[in-house]
């Protein structure tokens, strides 16, 4: 089955045109490599209402299967992407963030500082990735296979065949 994806970059400087967004295009390229059609891209500032609005638009209006955000997952006072995500999801999926942090910890001890969140809204899966291109790519690649299986489960009428094993 084929799925759609959206990539939302959360960055004050990127929104104002003061910094080129490299994490969004990198994440979109990975999504496409794994067979997802990236149908929506945007850059928003670190403003909770705008982030929430974009997430809701992608899930409710566009019906995007996988919504990936980059940025706003750190300790800065304006890093509020996880809070915006948790406000709009119906069911949290904490294992995704835990898996990404575990993978990051194998690369750098600072991986534990990521506050990435993930969850489900209707039949859309929302996943927060770090703003750094390198970290965003590493995080997404660490969970992309399970995410695709999760999309199968969300699209199914009951349950996907969990006993089938990994996609190849």
Foldseek 3Di string as FASTA:
>chain_A
DEFAEEEEEEAPCVVVVNDPQDQRVLLVVVCVVVRHHHDYYYYHYLDLVVLLVVVCCCCPVVVGAEYEYEALFADPPSSCNQVSQVVQAPFWDVVLLVQLLVQVCVVPVCSVRGRWTWHHDQNHIYTYFYRDNVRRNSSCVSCVFVSVLSSVQSPDPHGDPPVPDTDD
